[in-house]
Amino acid sequence: MSAGVAPAGARRFRGLDAARALACAWVVLFHAGGQGPLAERGQGPFVHALASVGYLGVDAFIVLSGVVVARSASPWPGVGRFLKARFLRLFPLYGLVVVGLAVAAYARGTHVGLLAAYPTVLDLLAHLTFAHVFFAATLYSFLPPAWSLGLEWWLYVAYAALRPLGRRLAPVTFLVSALTLVALRAWGHEADEPGVVVLARLWQFGCGAALAPHLGAWKPKVWFFAAVLAVLGAITWYDNVVDPWMFRVSRLTEPLLWVTIFGALAAIDPRHFEKGFGKWIAKRGDASYAVYLTHDPLLRALHGVPAFQAHRFVVGLGAAYLLGELVHALVEKPLGRLTKRL
């Protein structure tokens, strides 16, 4: 979720930028009125059900990260240069937001209305070193969405370590992560335990990396696309909305759904994203990283505002994207230019 769809000089699939924008909006809806401390019903059963599974937008981001990393690492620049490039793309805005929110909480003397919990010094250090993803106490602590960004970094590290496997990387990743995930679930481990979270995302990341070499060349037939949407979409919906049973099935099938959707989006004529709504939604994808990082504190700050209570989804989504666009233009872009000069 922290990068575009292609490295500099490579073909950029604006359809996937649009997908990033939609996935980010889904996550914002989840935090605005789906589940968690800000959740409330009253928007209709279907809309509430759709918002309640907005965490699936994070899964889409992880699959896209696999696509981005595999494309940006071809040809392979070496472990050091690869990790340096990914760190400089992921960390500056993330670190600035984490430190800024912690300073704001310390200055106010409370986390109420801003963060999920009051950050301790050790909690802050864990986040700034991406170690928070390895402990249940810090995984979803003062800035809950940050868990996926920390995990994203360690997926980069895993990719660099496993890169020598070459063409065997994808099947080995699939086999190890899928079998271990099934074993953990069979032994009764909860879906949000760190080990289960990491392995589920390793599977998703591997699916994206496997798709990357075929992006734009693979054009799924209409009948195949419809069949995948019907079967895997139904499994995902049933497993997460109708009768959640600890993600035993959809955690393995859902990434294949995203891979098919992304393959279809990459095959769309790029001219559709050069004007009108296509261009507008693709541009929102450029700011999705800033939106993702800043939307949770913003929604917590809006929690007591009457307009937010009456129109949670509209006000929450609009405010999140407005703030995200500002942070993207005024902070993220200058940081990007600075890191490039470094």
C-alpha atoms as a PDB file:
ATOM      1  CA  MET A   1       0.000   0.000   0.000  1.00  0.00           C
ATOM      2  CA  SER A   2       2.997   2.203   0.293  1.00  0.00           C
ATOM      3  CA  ALA A   3       4.037   2.360  -3.324  1.00  0.00           C
ATOM      4  CA  GLY A   4       2.814   2.757  -6.860  1.00  0.00           C
ATOM      5  CA  VAL A   5       2.234  -0.104  -9.215  1.00  0.00           C
ATOM      6  CA  ALA A   6       5.459   0.049 -11.216  1.00  0.00           C
ATOM      7  CA  PRO A   7       9.037   1.234 -10.781  1.00  0.00           C
ATOM      8  CA  ALA A   8      10.371   4.282 -12.589  1.00  0.00           C
ATOM      9  CA  GLY A   9      10.652   3.688 -16.302  1.00  0.00           C
ATOM     10  CA  ALA A  10       8.377   0.667 -16.297  1.00  0.00           C
ATOM     11  CA  ARG A  11       4.826   0.489 -17.536  1.00  0.00           C
ATOM     12  CA  ARG A  12       2.417   1.778 -14.916  1.00  0.00           C
ATOM     13  CA  PHE A  13      -0.999   0.201 -14.644  1.00  0.00           C
ATOM     14  CA  ARG A  14      -3.332   3.002 -13.622  1.00  0.00           C
ATOM     15  CA  GLY A  15      -6.134   0.470 -13.186  1.00  0.00           C
ATOM     16  CA  LEU A  16      -4.260  -0.857 -10.177  1.00  0.00           C
ATOM     17  CA  ASP A  17      -3.864   2.674  -8.817  1.00  0.00           C
ATOM     18  CA  ALA A  18      -7.658   2.872  -8.979  1.00  0.00           C
ATOM     19  CA  ALA A  19      -7.802  -0.427  -7.105  1.00  0.00           C
ATOM     20  CA  ARG A  20      -5.591   1.042  -4.362  1.00  0.00           C
ATOM     21  CA  ALA A  21      -7.957   3.983  -3.985  1.00  0.00           C
ATOM     22  CA  LEU A  22     -10.993   1.707  -3.688  1.00  0.00           C
ATOM     23  CA  ALA A  23      -9.248  -0.647  -1.250  1.00  0.00           C
ATOM     24  CA  CYS A  24      -8.232   2.316   0.907  1.00  0.00           C
ATOM     25  CA  ALA A  25     -11.799   3.673   0.851  1.00  0.00           C
ATOM     26  CA  TRP A  26     -13.027   0.251   1.976  1.00  0.00           C
ATOM     27  CA  VAL A  27     -10.661   0.313   4.958  1.00  0.00           C
ATOM     28  CA  VAL A  28     -11.830   3.827   5.879  1.00  0.00           C
ATOM     29  CA  LEU A  29     -15.458   2.640   5.752  1.00  0.00           C
ATOM     30  CA  PHE A  30     -14.521  -0.251   8.022  1.00  0.00           C
ATOM     31  CA  HIS A  31     -13.122   2.096  10.646  1.00  0.00           C
ATOM     32  CA  ALA A  32     -15.874   4.689  10.181  1.00  0.00           C
ATOM     33  CA  GLY A  33     -18.823   2.389  10.697  1.00  0.00           C
ATOM     34  CA  GLY A  34     -18.005  -1.261  10.223  1.00  0.00           C
ATOM     35  CA  GLN A  35     -16.403  -2.679  13.360  1.00  0.00           C
ATOM     36  CA  GLY A  36     -14.295  -1.495  16.260  1.00  0.00           C
ATOM     37  CA  PRO A  37     -14.706   1.365  18.732  1.00  0.00           C
ATOM     38  CA  LEU A  38     -16.267   3.719  16.173  1.00  0.00           C
ATOM     39  CA  ALA A  39     -18.726   1.215  14.727  1.00  0.00           C
ATOM     40  CA  GLU A  40     -22.433   1.896  14.744  1.00  0.00           C
ATOM     41  CA  ARG A  41     -25.329   0.481  12.791  1.00  0.00           C
ATOM     42  CA  GLY A  42     -28.040   2.514  11.107  1.00  0.00           C
ATOM     43  CA  GLN A  43     -26.836   2.623   7.501  1.00  0.00           C
ATOM     44  CA  GLY A  44     -28.822  -0.397   6.325  1.00  0.00           C
ATOM     45  CA  PRO A  45     -27.895  -4.088   6.636  1.00  0.00           C
ATOM     46  CA  PHE A  46     -26.081  -4.418   3.292  1.00  0.00           C
ATOM     47  CA  VAL A  47     -24.013  -1.239   3.664  1.00  0.00           C
ATOM     48  CA  HIS A  48     -23.108  -2.122   7.234  1.00  0.00           C
ATOM     49  CA  ALA A  49     -22.160  -5.666   6.179  1.00  0.00           C
ATOM     50  CA  LEU A  50     -19.986  -4.277   3.385  1.00  0.00           C
ATOM     51  CA  ALA A  51     -18.250  -1.876   5.790  1.00  0.00           C
ATOM     52  CA  SER A  52     -17.836  -4.624   8.386  1.00  0.00           C
ATOM     53  CA  VAL A  53     -15.516  -6.568   6.068  1.00  0.00           C
ATOM     54  CA  GLY A  54     -13.495  -3.509   5.059  1.00  0.00           C
ATOM     55  CA  TYR A  55     -10.422  -5.187   6.530  1.00  0.00           C
ATOM     56  CA  LEU A  56     -10.358  -7.167   3.272  1.00  0.00           C
ATOM     57  CA  GLY A  57      -9.068  -3.956   1.701  1.00  0.00           C
ATOM     58  CA  VAL A  58      -5.829  -4.536   3.635  1.00  0.00           C
ATOM     59  CA  ASP A  59      -5.599  -7.995   2.083  1.00  0.00           C
ATOM     60  CA  ALA A  60      -5.888  -6.367  -1.341  1.00  0.00           C
ATOM     61  CA  PHE A  61      -3.064  -3.987  -0.405  1.00  0.00           C
ATOM     62  CA  ILE A  62      -0.807  -6.880   0.617  1.00  0.00           C
ATOM     63  CA  VAL A  63      -1.407  -8.672  -2.690  1.00  0.00           C
ATOM     64  CA  LEU A  64      -0.631  -5.411  -4.522  1.00  0.00           C
ATOM     65  CA  SER A  65       2.557  -5.058  -2.472  1.00  0.00           C
ATOM     66  CA  GLY A  66       3.680  -8.427  -3.801  1.00  0.00           C
ATOM     67  CA  VAL A  67       3.046  -7.173  -7.329  1.00  0.00           C
ATOM     68  CA  VAL A  68       4.953  -3.919  -6.727  1.00  0.00           C
ATOM     69  CA  VAL A  69       7.945  -5.565  -5.089  1.00  0.00           C
ATOM     70  CA  ALA A  70       8.359  -8.250  -7.752  1.00  0.00           C
ATOM     71  CA  ARG A  71       8.155  -5.636 -10.524  1.00  0.00           C
ATOM     72  CA  SER A  72      10.456  -3.118  -8.852  1.00  0.00           C
ATOM     73  CA  ALA A  73      13.031  -5.845  -8.176  1.00  0.00           C
ATOM     74  CA  SER A  74      13.385  -6.880 -11.816  1.00  0.00           C
ATOM     75  CA  PRO A  75      16.234  -6.817 -12.653  1.00  0.00           C
ATOM     76  CA  TRP A  76      17.403  -7.651  -9.151  1.00  0.00           C
ATOM     77  CA  PRO A  77      19.418  -4.694  -7.729  1.00  0.00           C
ATOM     78  CA  GLY A  78      20.932  -6.648  -4.846  1.00  0.00           C
ATOM     79  CA  VAL A  79      19.709  -7.069  -1.283  1.00  0.00           C
ATOM     80  CA  GLY A  80      21.176  -3.824   0.058  1.00  0.00           C
ATOM     81  CA  ARG A  81      19.851  -1.526  -2.661  1.00  0.00           C
ATOM     82  CA  PHE A  82      16.487  -3.280  -2.719  1.00  0.00           C
ATOM     83  CA  LEU A  83      15.901  -2.938   1.035  1.00  0.00           C
ATOM     84  CA  LYS A  84      17.196   0.627   1.044  1.00  0.00           C
ATOM     85  CA  ALA A  85      14.757   1.634  -1.699  1.00  0.00           C
ATOM     86  CA  ARG A  86      11.803  -0.030   0.006  1.00  0.00           C
ATOM     87  CA  PHE A  87      12.713   1.454   3.410  1.00  0.00           C
ATOM     88  CA  LEU A  88      12.988   4.979   2.012  1.00  0.00           C
ATOM     89  CA  ARG A  89       9.592   4.591   0.378  1.00  0.00           C
ATOM     90  CA  LEU A  90       7.838   3.097   3.410  1.00  0.00           C
ATOM     91  CA  PHE A  91       9.411   4.642   6.507  1.00  0.00           C
ATOM     92  CA  PRO A  92       9.684   8.470   6.212  1.00  0.00           C
ATOM     93  CA  LEU A  93       5.958   9.272   6.177  1.00  0.00           C
ATOM     94  CA  TYR A  94       5.163   6.369   8.507  1.00  0.00           C
ATOM     95  CA  GLY A  95       7.799   7.430  11.063  1.00  0.00           C
ATOM     96  CA  LEU A  96       6.741  11.062  10.887  1.00  0.00           C
ATOM     97  CA  VAL A  97       3.081  10.202  11.526  1.00  0.00           C
ATOM     98  CA  VAL A  98       3.885   7.792  14.383  1.00  0.00           C
ATOM     99  CA  VAL A  99       6.187  10.289  16.136  1.00  0.00           C
ATOM    100  CA  GLY A 100       3.831  13.206  15.484  1.00  0.00           C
ATOM    101  CA  LEU A 101       0.845  11.414  16.982  1.00  0.00           C
ATOM    102  CA  ALA A 102       2.870  10.270  20.000  1.00  0.00           C
ATOM    103  CA  VAL A 103       4.111  13.835  20.615  1.00  0.00           C
ATOM    104  CA  ALA A 104       0.537  15.130  20.322  1.00  0.00           C
ATOM    105  CA  ALA A 105      -0.660  12.555  22.852  1.00  0.00           C
ATOM    106  CA  TYR A 106       2.153  13.392  25.288  1.00  0.00           C
ATOM    107  CA  ALA A 107       1.506  17.135  24.921  1.00  0.00           C
ATOM    108  CA  ARG A 108      -2.221  16.697  25.572  1.00  0.00           C
ATOM    109  CA  GLY A 109      -1.633  14.231  28.390  1.00  0.00           C
ATOM    110  CA  THR A 110      -4.228  11.854  26.990  1.00  0.00           C
ATOM    111  CA  HIS A 111      -4.939   9.688  23.949  1.00  0.00           C
ATOM    112  CA  VAL A 112      -8.702  10.196  24.102  1.00  0.00           C
ATOM    113  CA  GLY A 113     -10.165  11.400  20.818  1.00  0.00           C
ATOM    114  CA  LEU A 114      -6.940  10.801  18.915  1.00  0.00           C
ATOM    115  CA  LEU A 115      -5.349   7.386  19.464  1.00  0.00           C
ATOM    116  CA  ALA A 116      -6.507   3.924  20.446  1.00  0.00           C
ATOM    117  CA  ALA A 117      -4.260   3.927  23.544  1.00  0.00           C
ATOM    118  CA  TYR A 118      -1.653   6.066  25.247  1.00  0.00           C
ATOM    119  CA  PRO A 119       1.731   5.167  23.667  1.00  0.00           C
ATOM    120  CA  THR A 120       4.524   4.162  26.013  1.00  0.00           C
ATOM    121  CA  VAL A 121       8.179   4.679  25.104  1.00  0.00           C
ATOM    122  CA  LEU A 122       8.648   0.949  24.499  1.00  0.00           C
ATOM    123  CA  ASP A 123       5.503   0.872  22.377  1.00  0.00           C
ATOM    124  CA  LEU A 124       6.826   3.762  20.295  1.00  0.00           C
ATOM    125  CA  LEU A 125      10.222   2.087  19.853  1.00  0.00           C
ATOM    126  CA  ALA A 126       8.530  -1.146  18.784  1.00  0.00           C
ATOM    127  CA  HIS A 127       6.604   0.706  16.082  1.00  0.00           C
ATOM    128  CA  LEU A 128       9.619   2.642  14.817  1.00  0.00           C
ATOM    129  CA  THR A 129      11.619  -0.588  14.438  1.00  0.00           C
ATOM    130  CA  PHE A 130       8.657  -2.493  12.937  1.00  0.00           C
ATOM    131  CA  ALA A 131       8.940  -4.955  15.830  1.00  0.00           C
ATOM    132  CA  HIS A 132       5.344  -4.290  16.920  1.00  0.00           C
ATOM    133  CA  VAL A 133       4.032  -6.911  14.496  1.00  0.00           C
ATOM    134  CA  PHE A 134       5.642  -9.729  16.492  1.00  0.00           C
ATOM    135  CA  PHE A 135       3.802  -9.133  19.775  1.00  0.00           C
ATOM    136  CA  ALA A 136       0.092  -9.338  20.510  1.00  0.00           C
ATOM    137  CA  ALA A 137       0.356  -6.396  22.947  1.00  0.00           C
ATOM    138  CA  THR A 138       1.655  -4.005  20.266  1.00  0.00           C
ATOM    139  CA  LEU A 139       0.151  -5.437  17.082  1.00  0.00           C
ATOM    140  CA  TYR A 140      -2.952  -3.223  17.218  1.00  0.00           C
ATOM    141  CA  SER A 141      -1.873  -0.747  19.898  1.00  0.00           C
ATOM    142  CA  PHE A 142      -2.039   3.060  19.743  1.00  0.00           C
ATOM    143  CA  LEU A 143      -2.232   3.305  15.906  1.00  0.00           C
ATOM    144  CA  PRO A 144      -4.090   0.130  14.813  1.00  0.00           C
ATOM    145  CA  PRO A 145      -3.627   0.475  11.006  1.00  0.00           C
ATOM    146  CA  ALA A 146       0.169   0.547  11.484  1.00  0.00           C
ATOM    147  CA  TRP A 147       0.250  -3.219  11.977  1.00  0.00           C
ATOM    148  CA  SER A 148       0.047  -3.822   8.230  1.00  0.00           C
ATOM    149  CA  LEU A 149       2.840  -1.365   7.448  1.00  0.00           C
ATOM    150  CA  GLY A 150       5.202  -3.050   9.884  1.00  0.00           C
ATOM    151  CA  LEU A 151       4.298  -6.408   8.402  1.00  0.00           C
ATOM    152  CA  GLU A 152       4.890  -5.026   4.918  1.00  0.00           C
ATOM    153  CA  TRP A 153       8.482  -4.233   5.825  1.00  0.00           C
ATOM    154  CA  TRP A 154       9.163  -7.767   7.053  1.00  0.00           C
ATOM    155  CA  LEU A 155       7.593  -9.152   3.887  1.00  0.00           C
ATOM    156  CA  TYR A 156      10.176  -7.119   1.964  1.00  0.00           C
ATOM    157  CA  VAL A 157      12.913  -8.647   4.106  1.00  0.00           C
ATOM    158  CA  ALA A 158      11.519 -12.149   3.534  1.00  0.00           C
ATOM    159  CA  TYR A 159      11.344 -11.520  -0.200  1.00  0.00           C
ATOM    160  CA  ALA A 160      14.986 -10.401  -0.273  1.00  0.00           C
ATOM    161  CA  ALA A 161      16.042 -13.472   1.712  1.00  0.00           C
ATOM    162  CA  LEU A 162      14.100 -15.888  -0.508  1.00  0.00           C
ATOM    163  CA  ARG A 163      14.961 -14.189  -3.801  1.00  0.00           C
ATOM    164  CA  PRO A 164      17.746 -16.735  -4.627  1.00  0.00           C
ATOM    165  CA  LEU A 165      15.010 -19.348  -5.050  1.00  0.00           C
ATOM    166  CA  GLY A 166      14.135 -17.635  -8.336  1.00  0.00           C
ATOM    167  CA  ARG A 167      11.209 -19.281 -10.109  1.00  0.00           C
ATOM    168  CA  ARG A 168      10.731 -21.596  -7.150  1.00  0.00           C
ATOM    169  CA  LEU A 169      10.006 -18.626  -4.876  1.00  0.00           C
ATOM    170  CA  ALA A 170       6.268 -18.479  -5.517  1.00  0.00           C
ATOM    171  CA  PRO A 171       5.473 -22.193  -5.119  1.00  0.00           C
ATOM    172  CA  VAL A 172       7.695 -22.530  -2.041  1.00  0.00           C
ATOM    173  CA  THR A 173       6.062 -19.475  -0.457  1.00  0.00           C
ATOM    174  CA  PHE A 174       2.599 -20.820  -1.273  1.00  0.00           C
ATOM    175  CA  LEU A 175       3.325 -24.295   0.055  1.00  0.00           C
ATOM    176  CA  VAL A 176       5.008 -23.262   3.311  1.00  0.00           C
ATOM    177  CA  SER A 177       2.610 -20.462   4.218  1.00  0.00           C
ATOM    178  CA  ALA A 178      -0.555 -22.311   3.215  1.00  0.00           C
ATOM    179  CA  LEU A 179       0.299 -25.563   5.005  1.00  0.00           C
ATOM    180  CA  THR A 180       1.497 -23.777   8.142  1.00  0.00           C
ATOM    181  CA  LEU A 181      -1.568 -21.537   8.147  1.00  0.00           C
ATOM    182  CA  VAL A 182      -3.914 -24.508   7.884  1.00  0.00           C
ATOM    183  CA  ALA A 183      -2.019 -26.286  10.670  1.00  0.00           C
ATOM    184  CA  LEU A 184      -2.226 -23.264  12.989  1.00  0.00           C
ATOM    185  CA  ARG A 185      -5.917 -22.894  12.332  1.00  0.00           C
ATOM    186  CA  ALA A 186      -6.521 -26.621  12.861  1.00  0.00           C
ATOM    187  CA  TRP A 187      -4.773 -26.360  16.235  1.00  0.00           C
ATOM    188  CA  GLY A 188      -7.219 -23.644  17.279  1.00  0.00           C
ATOM    189  CA  HIS A 189      -5.106 -20.521  16.945  1.00  0.00           C
ATOM    190  CA  GLU A 190      -7.115 -17.309  16.611  1.00  0.00           C
ATOM    191  CA  ALA A 191      -7.230 -15.368  13.335  1.00  0.00           C
ATOM    192  CA  ASP A 192      -5.641 -12.241  14.856  1.00  0.00           C
ATOM    193  CA  GLU A 193      -2.697 -13.943  16.561  1.00  0.00           C
ATOM    194  CA  PRO A 194       0.623 -12.586  15.251  1.00  0.00           C
ATOM    195  CA  GLY A 195       1.769 -15.925  13.805  1.00  0.00           C
ATOM    196  CA  VAL A 196      -1.483 -16.466  11.905  1.00  0.00           C
ATOM    197  CA  VAL A 197      -1.521 -12.857  10.681  1.00  0.00           C
ATOM    198  CA  VAL A 198       2.041 -13.073   9.346  1.00  0.00           C
ATOM    199  CA  LEU A 199       1.538 -16.388   7.560  1.00  0.00           C
ATOM    200  CA  ALA A 200      -1.780 -15.338   6.035  1.00  0.00           C
ATOM    201  CA  ARG A 201      -0.138 -12.217   4.644  1.00  0.00           C
ATOM    202  CA  LEU A 202       2.866 -14.176   3.386  1.00  0.00           C
ATOM    203  CA  TRP A 203       0.441 -16.217   1.311  1.00  0.00           C
ATOM    204  CA  GLN A 204      -1.226 -13.050  -0.016  1.00  0.00           C
ATOM    205  CA  PHE A 205       2.126 -11.394  -0.777  1.00  0.00           C
ATOM    206  CA  GLY A 206       3.298 -14.505  -2.631  1.00  0.00           C
ATOM    207  CA  CYS A 207       0.183 -14.504  -4.792  1.00  0.00           C
ATOM    208  CA  GLY A 208       0.891 -10.915  -5.838  1.00  0.00           C
ATOM    209  CA  ALA A 209       4.553 -11.682  -6.573  1.00  0.00           C
ATOM    210  CA  ALA A 210       3.518 -14.639  -8.741  1.00  0.00           C
ATOM    211  CA  LEU A 211       1.146 -12.430 -10.755  1.00  0.00           C
ATOM    212  CA  ALA A 212       3.688  -9.629 -11.341  1.00  0.00           C
ATOM    213  CA  PRO A 213       5.583 -11.142 -14.326  1.00  0.00           C
ATOM    214  CA  HIS A 214       2.293 -11.730 -16.152  1.00  0.00           C
ATOM    215  CA  LEU A 215       0.713  -8.362 -15.392  1.00  0.00           C
ATOM    216  CA  GLY A 216      -0.797  -6.831 -18.511  1.00  0.00           C
ATOM    217  CA  ALA A 217      -0.148  -9.974 -20.570  1.00  0.00           C
ATOM    218  CA  TRP A 218      -2.655 -12.171 -18.768  1.00  0.00           C
ATOM    219  CA  LYS A 219      -6.166 -11.213 -19.829  1.00  0.00           C
ATOM    220  CA  PRO A 220      -8.733 -13.425 -18.095  1.00  0.00           C
ATOM    221  CA  LYS A 221     -11.698 -14.355 -20.257  1.00  0.00           C
ATOM    222  CA  VAL A 222     -15.041 -12.835 -19.293  1.00  0.00           C
ATOM    223  CA  TRP A 223     -16.514 -16.217 -18.401  1.00  0.00           C
ATOM    224  CA  PHE A 224     -13.477 -17.087 -16.259  1.00  0.00           C
ATOM    225  CA  PHE A 225     -13.560 -13.716 -14.517  1.00  0.00           C
ATOM    226  CA  ALA A 226     -17.289 -14.079 -13.785  1.00  0.00           C
ATOM    227  CA  ALA A 227     -16.808 -17.632 -12.502  1.00  0.00           C
ATOM    228  CA  VAL A 228     -13.977 -16.602 -10.160  1.00  0.00           C
ATOM    229  CA  LEU A 229     -15.987 -13.659  -8.847  1.00  0.00           C
ATOM    230  CA  ALA A 230     -18.996 -15.907  -8.274  1.00  0.00           C
ATOM    231  CA  VAL A 231     -17.194 -18.799  -6.565  1.00  0.00           C
ATOM    232  CA  LEU A 232     -14.339 -17.145  -4.641  1.00  0.00           C
ATOM    233  CA  GLY A 233     -16.381 -14.014  -3.952  1.00  0.00           C
ATOM    234  CA  ALA A 234     -19.168 -16.151  -2.492  1.00  0.00           C
ATOM    235  CA  ILE A 235     -16.681 -18.034  -0.295  1.00  0.00           C
ATOM    236  CA  THR A 236     -15.183 -14.752   0.948  1.00  0.00           C
ATOM    237  CA  TRP A 237     -18.587 -13.204   1.629  1.00  0.00           C
ATOM    238  CA  TYR A 238     -19.970 -16.281   3.384  1.00  0.00           C
ATOM    239  CA  ASP A 239     -16.827 -16.866   5.423  1.00  0.00           C
ATOM    240  CA  ASN A 240     -16.623 -13.241   6.605  1.00  0.00           C
ATOM    241  CA  VAL A 241     -20.210 -11.990   6.717  1.00  0.00           C
ATOM    242  CA  VAL A 242     -22.743 -14.799   6.864  1.00  0.00           C
ATOM    243  CA  ASP A 243     -21.013 -17.339   9.067  1.00  0.00           C
ATOM    244  CA  PRO A 244     -17.468 -16.323  10.115  1.00  0.00           C
ATOM    245  CA  TRP A 245     -15.614 -19.447  11.179  1.00  0.00           C
ATOM    246  CA  MET A 246     -12.085 -18.243  11.824  1.00  0.00           C
ATOM    247  CA  PHE A 247     -11.120 -17.724   8.153  1.00  0.00           C
ATOM    248  CA  ARG A 248     -10.369 -21.394   7.581  1.00  0.00           C
ATOM    249  CA  VAL A 249     -11.282 -21.248   3.879  1.00  0.00           C
ATOM    250  CA  SER A 250     -11.282 -17.642   2.675  1.00  0.00           C
ATOM    251  CA  ARG A 251      -7.785 -16.877   3.982  1.00  0.00           C
ATOM    252  CA  LEU A 252      -6.511 -19.293   1.318  1.00  0.00           C
ATOM    253  CA  THR A 253      -8.937 -18.535  -1.527  1.00  0.00           C
ATOM    254  CA  GLU A 254      -9.336 -14.770  -1.241  1.00  0.00           C
ATOM    255  CA  PRO A 255      -5.865 -13.785  -2.588  1.00  0.00           C
ATOM    256  CA  LEU A 256      -6.668 -15.723  -5.760  1.00  0.00           C
ATOM    257  CA  LEU A 257      -9.767 -13.555  -6.103  1.00  0.00           C
ATOM    258  CA  TRP A 258      -7.652 -10.396  -5.879  1.00  0.00           C
ATOM    259  CA  VAL A 259      -5.104 -11.759  -8.350  1.00  0.00           C
ATOM    260  CA  THR A 260      -7.860 -12.349 -10.904  1.00  0.00           C
ATOM    261  CA  ILE A 261      -9.325  -8.872 -10.351  1.00  0.00           C
ATOM    262  CA  PHE A 262      -5.917  -7.185 -10.639  1.00  0.00           C
ATOM    263  CA  GLY A 263      -5.094  -9.173 -13.772  1.00  0.00           C
ATOM    264  CA  ALA A 264      -8.314  -7.935 -15.357  1.00  0.00           C
ATOM    265  CA  LEU A 265      -7.661  -4.312 -14.293  1.00  0.00           C
ATOM    266  CA  ALA A 266      -4.139  -4.388 -15.723  1.00  0.00           C
ATOM    267  CA  ALA A 267      -5.539  -5.578 -19.056  1.00  0.00           C
ATOM    268  CA  ILE A 268      -7.896  -2.583 -19.377  1.00  0.00           C
ATOM    269  CA  ASP A 269      -6.979  -0.072 -22.075  1.00  0.00           C
ATOM    270  CA  PRO A 270      -4.903   2.613 -20.256  1.00  0.00           C
ATOM    271  CA  ARG A 271      -6.760   5.337 -22.166  1.00  0.00           C
ATOM    272  CA  HIS A 272      -9.722   4.725 -19.863  1.00  0.00           C
ATOM    273  CA  PHE A 273      -7.626   6.182 -17.017  1.00  0.00           C
ATOM    274  CA  GLU A 274      -6.467   9.283 -18.868  1.00  0.00           C
ATOM    275  CA  LYS A 275      -9.710  11.245 -18.546  1.00  0.00           C
ATOM    276  CA  GLY A 276     -12.975  11.467 -16.657  1.00  0.00           C
ATOM    277  CA  PHE A 277     -13.762   9.264 -13.685  1.00  0.00           C
ATOM    278  CA  GLY A 278     -11.011   6.784 -14.528  1.00  0.00           C
ATOM    279  CA  LYS A 279      -8.351   9.477 -14.220  1.00  0.00           C
ATOM    280  CA  TRP A 280      -9.927  10.880 -11.060  1.00  0.00           C
ATOM    281  CA  ILE A 281     -10.078   7.557  -9.200  1.00  0.00           C
ATOM    282  CA  ALA A 282      -6.550   6.600 -10.296  1.00  0.00           C
ATOM    283  CA  LYS A 283      -5.243   9.901  -8.892  1.00  0.00           C
ATOM    284  CA  ARG A 284      -6.873   9.061  -5.546  1.00  0.00           C
ATOM    285  CA  GLY A 285      -4.727   5.955  -5.527  1.00  0.00           C
ATOM    286  CA  ASP A 286      -1.622   8.152  -5.437  1.00  0.00           C
ATOM    287  CA  ALA A 287      -2.711   9.548  -2.054  1.00  0.00           C
ATOM    288  CA  SER A 288      -3.904   6.250  -0.602  1.00  0.00           C
ATOM    289  CA  TYR A 289      -0.800   5.732   1.566  1.00  0.00           C
ATOM    290  CA  ALA A 290      -1.288   9.096   3.278  1.00  0.00           C
ATOM    291  CA  VAL A 291      -5.016   8.412   3.676  1.00  0.00           C
ATOM    292  CA  TYR A 292      -4.317   5.024   5.223  1.00  0.00           C
ATOM    293  CA  LEU A 293      -1.836   6.440   7.742  1.00  0.00           C
ATOM    294  CA  THR A 294      -3.926   9.389   8.892  1.00  0.00           C
ATOM    295  CA  HIS A 295      -7.568   8.295   8.693  1.00  0.00           C
ATOM    296  CA  ASP A 296      -7.835   6.442  12.024  1.00  0.00           C
ATOM    297  CA  PRO A 297      -6.806   9.385  14.286  1.00  0.00           C
ATOM    298  CA  LEU A 298      -9.007  11.671  12.187  1.00  0.00           C
ATOM    299  CA  LEU A 299     -12.063   9.439  12.616  1.00  0.00           C
ATOM    300  CA  ARG A 300     -11.429   9.250  16.354  1.00  0.00           C
ATOM    301  CA  ALA A 301     -11.257  13.057  16.492  1.00  0.00           C
ATOM    302  CA  LEU A 302     -14.556  13.260  14.571  1.00  0.00           C
ATOM    303  CA  HIS A 303     -16.284  10.700  16.772  1.00  0.00           C
ATOM    304  CA  GLY A 304     -18.177  13.268  18.843  1.00  0.00           C
ATOM    305  CA  VAL A 305     -19.060  15.593  15.961  1.00  0.00           C
ATOM    306  CA  PRO A 306     -22.826  15.533  15.185  1.00  0.00           C
ATOM    307  CA  ALA A 307     -22.313  15.576  11.407  1.00  0.00           C
ATOM    308  CA  PHE A 308     -20.120  12.479  11.679  1.00  0.00           C
ATOM    309  CA  GLN A 309     -22.678  10.686  13.835  1.00  0.00           C
ATOM    310  CA  ALA A 310     -25.470  11.406  11.348  1.00  0.00           C
ATOM    311  CA  HIS A 311     -23.531  10.651   8.138  1.00  0.00           C
ATOM    312  CA  ARG A 312     -20.636   8.453   9.199  1.00  0.00           C
ATOM    313  CA  PHE A 313     -19.652   7.002   5.850  1.00  0.00           C
ATOM    314  CA  VAL A 314     -19.934  10.162   3.763  1.00  0.00           C
ATOM    315  CA  VAL A 315     -18.325  12.509   6.295  1.00  0.00           C
ATOM    316  CA  GLY A 316     -15.686   9.972   7.342  1.00  0.00           C
ATOM    317  CA  LEU A 317     -14.649   9.067   3.798  1.00  0.00           C
ATOM    318  CA  GLY A 318     -14.668  12.687   2.602  1.00  0.00           C
ATOM    319  CA  ALA A 319     -12.670  13.986   5.575  1.00  0.00           C
ATOM    320  CA  ALA A 320     -10.167  11.109   5.369  1.00  0.00           C
ATOM    321  CA  TYR A 321      -9.449  11.718   1.703  1.00  0.00           C
ATOM    322  CA  LEU A 322      -9.281  15.485   2.158  1.00  0.00           C
ATOM    323  CA  LEU A 323      -6.690  15.115   4.922  1.00  0.00           C
ATOM    324  CA  GLY A 324      -4.878  12.402   2.996  1.00  0.00           C
ATOM    325  CA  GLU A 325      -4.638  14.539  -0.143  1.00  0.00           C
ATOM    326  CA  LEU A 326      -3.202  17.409   1.909  1.00  0.00           C
ATOM    327  CA  VAL A 327      -0.650  15.176   3.645  1.00  0.00           C
ATOM    328  CA  HIS A 328       0.250  13.609   0.291  1.00  0.00           C
ATOM    329  CA  ALA A 329       0.835  16.994  -1.371  1.00  0.00           C
ATOM    330  CA  LEU A 330       2.441  18.866   1.511  1.00  0.00           C
ATOM    331  CA  VAL A 331       4.379  16.103   3.293  1.00  0.00           C
ATOM    332  CA  GLU A 332       4.689  12.847   1.342  1.00  0.00           C
ATOM    333  CA  LYS A 333       5.787  14.361  -1.974  1.00  0.00           C
ATOM    334  CA  PRO A 334       8.471  16.616  -0.417  1.00  0.00           C
ATOM    335  CA  LEU A 335       9.734  13.664   1.626  1.00  0.00           C
ATOM    336  CA  GLY A 336       9.915  11.602  -1.531  1.00  0.00           C
ATOM    337  CA  ARG A 337      11.958  14.255  -3.309  1.00  0.00           C
ATOM    338  CA  LEU A 338      14.261  14.534  -0.294  1.00  0.00           C
ATOM    339  CA  THR A 339      14.892  10.795  -0.076  1.00  0.00           C
ATOM    340  CA  LYS A 340      15.652  10.647  -3.792  1.00  0.00           C
ATOM    341  CA  ARG A 341      18.306  13.321  -3.350  1.00  0.00           C
ATOM    342  CA  LEU A 342      19.777  11.292  -0.486  1.00  0.00           C
END
